[in-house]
C-alpha atoms as a PDB file:
ATOM      1  CA  GLN A   1       0.156  16.142 -10.330  1.00  0.00           C
ATOM      2  CA  VAL A   2      -1.061  14.051  -7.411  1.00  0.00           C
ATOM      3  CA  GLN A   3       0.229  14.181  -3.842  1.00  0.00           C
ATOM      4  CA  LEU A   4       0.061  11.125  -1.570  1.00  0.00           C
ATOM      5  CA  VAL A   5       0.144  10.778   2.217  1.00  0.00           C
ATOM      6  CA  GLU A   6       0.266   7.339   3.848  1.00  0.00           C
ATOM      7  CA  SER A   7      -0.836   6.505   7.376  1.00  0.00           C
ATOM      8  CA  GLY A   8      -1.613   3.475   9.509  1.00  0.00           C
ATOM      9  CA  GLY A   9       1.764   1.854   9.958  1.00  0.00           C
ATOM     10  CA  GLY A  10       3.079   0.703  13.308  1.00  0.00           C
ATOM     11  CA  LEU A  11       4.265  -2.174  15.422  1.00  0.00           C
ATOM     12  CA  VAL A  12       2.202  -5.356  15.531  1.00  0.00           C
ATOM     13  CA  GLN A  13       2.745  -8.923  16.677  1.00  0.00           C
ATOM     14  CA  ALA A  14       2.939 -11.731  14.159  1.00  0.00           C
ATOM     15  CA  GLY A  15      -0.551 -12.883  13.273  1.00  0.00           C
ATOM     16  CA  GLY A  16      -2.001  -9.436  13.803  1.00  0.00           C
ATOM     17  CA  SER A  17      -3.542  -6.942  11.403  1.00  0.00           C
ATOM     18  CA  LEU A  18      -2.998  -3.384  10.225  1.00  0.00           C
ATOM     19  CA  ARG A  19      -4.764  -1.184   7.722  1.00  0.00           C
ATOM     20  CA  LEU A  20      -2.754   1.319   5.730  1.00  0.00           C
ATOM     21  CA  SER A  21      -4.389   4.350   4.147  1.00  0.00           C
ATOM     22  CA  CYS A  22      -3.148   6.598   1.378  1.00  0.00           C
ATOM     23  CA  ALA A  23      -4.885   9.923   0.877  1.00  0.00           C
ATOM     24  CA  ALA A  24      -4.480  11.579  -2.503  1.00  0.00           C
ATOM     25  CA  SER A  25      -4.906  15.194  -3.483  1.00  0.00           C
ATOM     26  CA  GLY A  26      -4.141  17.506  -6.343  1.00  0.00           C
ATOM     27  CA  SER A  27      -5.423  15.547  -9.303  1.00  0.00           C
ATOM     28  CA  ILE A  28      -8.199  13.277 -10.477  1.00  0.00           C
ATOM     29  CA  PHE A  29      -7.629  10.299  -8.198  1.00  0.00           C
ATOM     30  CA  SER A  30     -10.177   8.062  -9.881  1.00  0.00           C
ATOM     31  CA  MET A  31      -8.203   8.086 -13.139  1.00  0.00           C
ATOM     32  CA  TYR A  32      -5.109   6.521 -11.582  1.00  0.00           C
ATOM     33  CA  ALA A  33      -4.154   2.937 -11.036  1.00  0.00           C
ATOM     34  CA  MET A  34      -2.731   2.785  -7.512  1.00  0.00           C
ATOM     35  CA  GLY A  35      -0.191   0.531  -5.915  1.00  0.00           C
ATOM     36  CA  TRP A  36       1.290  -0.398  -2.572  1.00  0.00           C
ATOM     37  CA  TYR A  37       4.993  -1.207  -2.547  1.00  0.00           C
ATOM     38  CA  ARG A  38       7.347  -2.100   0.255  1.00  0.00           C
ATOM     39  CA  GLN A  39      11.066  -1.964   0.886  1.00  0.00           C
ATOM     40  CA  ALA A  40      12.802  -3.930   3.609  1.00  0.00           C
ATOM     41  CA  PRO A  41      16.327  -3.048   4.771  1.00  0.00           C
ATOM     42  CA  GLU A  42      18.945  -3.889   2.146  1.00  0.00           C
ATOM     43  CA  LYS A  43      16.289  -5.150  -0.272  1.00  0.00           C
ATOM     44  CA  GLN A  44      14.799  -3.692  -3.424  1.00  0.00           C
ATOM     45  CA  ARG A  45      11.409  -2.056  -3.412  1.00  0.00           C
ATOM     46  CA  GLU A  46       8.745  -4.552  -4.473  1.00  0.00           C
ATOM     47  CA  LEU A  47       5.136  -4.385  -5.563  1.00  0.00           C
ATOM     48  CA  VAL A  48       2.735  -5.678  -2.925  1.00  0.00           C
ATOM     49  CA  ALA A  49      -0.635  -4.954  -4.509  1.00  0.00           C
ATOM     50  CA  ARG A  50      -2.115  -2.943  -7.339  1.00  0.00           C
ATOM     51  CA  ILE A  51      -5.620  -1.741  -8.110  1.00  0.00           C
ATOM     52  CA  SER A  52      -6.652  -0.358 -11.474  1.00  0.00           C
ATOM     53  CA  ALA A  53      -8.868   2.666 -12.031  1.00  0.00           C
ATOM     54  CA  ALA A  54     -11.681   0.195 -12.728  1.00  0.00           C
ATOM     55  CA  GLY A  55     -11.029  -1.711  -9.506  1.00  0.00           C
ATOM     56  CA  SER A  56      -9.289  -4.882 -10.684  1.00  0.00           C
ATOM     57  CA  THR A  57      -6.553  -6.068  -8.349  1.00  0.00           C
ATOM     58  CA  ASN A  58      -3.219  -7.886  -8.438  1.00  0.00           C
ATOM     59  CA  TYR A  59      -1.104  -9.172  -5.560  1.00  0.00           C
ATOM     60  CA  ALA A  60       2.376 -10.415  -4.957  1.00  0.00           C
ATOM     61  CA  ASP A  61       2.371 -14.155  -4.326  1.00  0.00           C
ATOM     62  CA  SER A  62       3.779 -13.590  -0.838  1.00  0.00           C
ATOM     63  CA  VAL A  63       0.679 -11.667   0.299  1.00  0.00           C
ATOM     64  CA  LYS A  64      -2.147 -13.378  -1.605  1.00  0.00           C
ATOM     65  CA  GLY A  65      -4.941 -14.383   0.723  1.00  0.00           C
ATOM     66  CA  ARG A  66      -3.637 -12.146   3.522  1.00  0.00           C
ATOM     67  CA  PHE A  67      -3.646  -8.601   2.099  1.00  0.00           C
ATOM     68  CA  THR A  68      -6.485  -6.732   0.388  1.00  0.00           C
ATOM     69  CA  ILE A  69      -6.161  -3.521  -1.603  1.00  0.00           C
ATOM     70  CA  SER A  70      -9.212  -1.325  -2.080  1.00  0.00           C
ATOM     71  CA  ARG A  71     -10.057   2.207  -3.063  1.00  0.00           C
ATOM     72  CA  ASP A  72     -12.706   4.768  -2.222  1.00  0.00           C
ATOM     73  CA  ASN A  73     -12.819   7.303  -5.029  1.00  0.00           C
ATOM     74  CA  ALA A  74     -15.256   9.506  -3.107  1.00  0.00           C
ATOM     75  CA  LYS A  75     -12.612   9.898  -0.400  1.00  0.00           C
ATOM     76  CA  ASN A  76      -9.600   9.930  -2.765  1.00  0.00           C
ATOM     77  CA  THR A  77      -8.116   7.141  -0.669  1.00  0.00           C
ATOM     78  CA  VAL A  78      -6.605   3.726  -1.282  1.00  0.00           C
ATOM     79  CA  TYR A  79      -6.279   1.150   1.485  1.00  0.00           C
ATOM     80  CA  LEU A  80      -4.207  -1.912   2.208  1.00  0.00           C
ATOM     81  CA  GLN A  81      -5.750  -4.278   4.740  1.00  0.00           C
ATOM     82  CA  MET A  82      -3.029  -6.578   6.048  1.00  0.00           C
ATOM     83  CA  ASN A  83      -4.029  -9.680   7.991  1.00  0.00           C
ATOM     84  CA  SER A  84      -2.040 -12.617   9.371  1.00  0.00           C
ATOM     85  CA  LEU A  85       1.081 -10.483   9.355  1.00  0.00           C
ATOM     86  CA  LYS A  86       4.442 -12.210   9.356  1.00  0.00           C
ATOM     87  CA  TYR A  87       7.865 -11.059  10.484  1.00  0.00           C
ATOM     88  CA  GLU A  88       8.956 -10.929   6.845  1.00  0.00           C
ATOM     89  CA  ASP A  89       6.274  -8.324   6.119  1.00  0.00           C
ATOM     90  CA  THR A  90       8.377  -5.815   8.067  1.00  0.00           C
ATOM     91  CA  ALA A  91       9.239  -2.949   5.717  1.00  0.00           C
ATOM     92  CA  VAL A  92       8.528   0.636   4.789  1.00  0.00           C
ATOM     93  CA  TYR A  93       5.316   0.636   2.783  1.00  0.00           C
ATOM     94  CA  TYR A  94       4.845   3.161   0.008  1.00  0.00           C
ATOM     95  CA  CYS A  95       1.740   4.218  -1.829  1.00  0.00           C
ATOM     96  CA  ALA A  96       2.129   5.017  -5.533  1.00  0.00           C
ATOM     97  CA  ALA A  97      -0.011   6.647  -8.188  1.00  0.00           C
ATOM     98  CA  LEU A  98       0.716   4.760 -11.385  1.00  0.00           C
ATOM     99  CA  GLY A  99       0.406   7.381 -14.079  1.00  0.00           C
ATOM    100  CA  VAL A 100       2.723   8.194 -16.983  1.00  0.00           C
ATOM    101  CA  VAL A 101       5.091   9.106 -14.169  1.00  0.00           C
ATOM    102  CA  THR A 102       4.878   7.202 -10.890  1.00  0.00           C
ATOM    103  CA  THR A 103       4.264   9.431  -7.892  1.00  0.00           C
ATOM    104  CA  TRP A 104       5.316   8.159  -4.463  1.00  0.00           C
ATOM    105  CA  GLY A 105       4.167   8.870  -0.960  1.00  0.00           C
ATOM    106  CA  GLN A 106       6.632   9.359   1.878  1.00  0.00           C
ATOM    107  CA  GLY A 107       6.237   5.826   3.224  1.00  0.00           C
ATOM    108  CA  THR A 108       5.021   4.367   6.504  1.00  0.00           C
ATOM    109  CA  GLN A 109       6.916   1.865   8.636  1.00  0.00           C
ATOM    110  CA  VAL A 110       5.353  -1.517   9.381  1.00  0.00           C
ATOM    111  CA  THR A 111       7.164  -3.629  11.953  1.00  0.00           C
ATOM    112  CA  VAL A 112       5.995  -7.154  12.749  1.00  0.00           C
ATOM    113  CA  SER A 113       7.453  -8.716  15.867  1.00  0.00           C
ATOM    114  CA  SER A 114       7.932 -12.451  15.938  1.00  0.00           C
END
């Protein structure tokens, strides 16, 4: 079983940047594909970016070219670098370990002011 703790959210102006971190503990982090999801008010949770155990990445069309997911297996941490933020990126961002069962972090709020 893996436990996840996100950090790095906050308030930023449109056009700005934030980096989210997700620290994992309790299991073999390097074996997991990891994902960042987000949920805006009154909307369904959606996949933002995914990184496989081998390091290959996938992105939602809405964030391609602006967001970058990466992982540091030595630090048991996955990151989401978010650049050129837009108002519509405002949401709670969740880290997920994509095993047989998906494990979720507690979420971190990202608010982009227009």
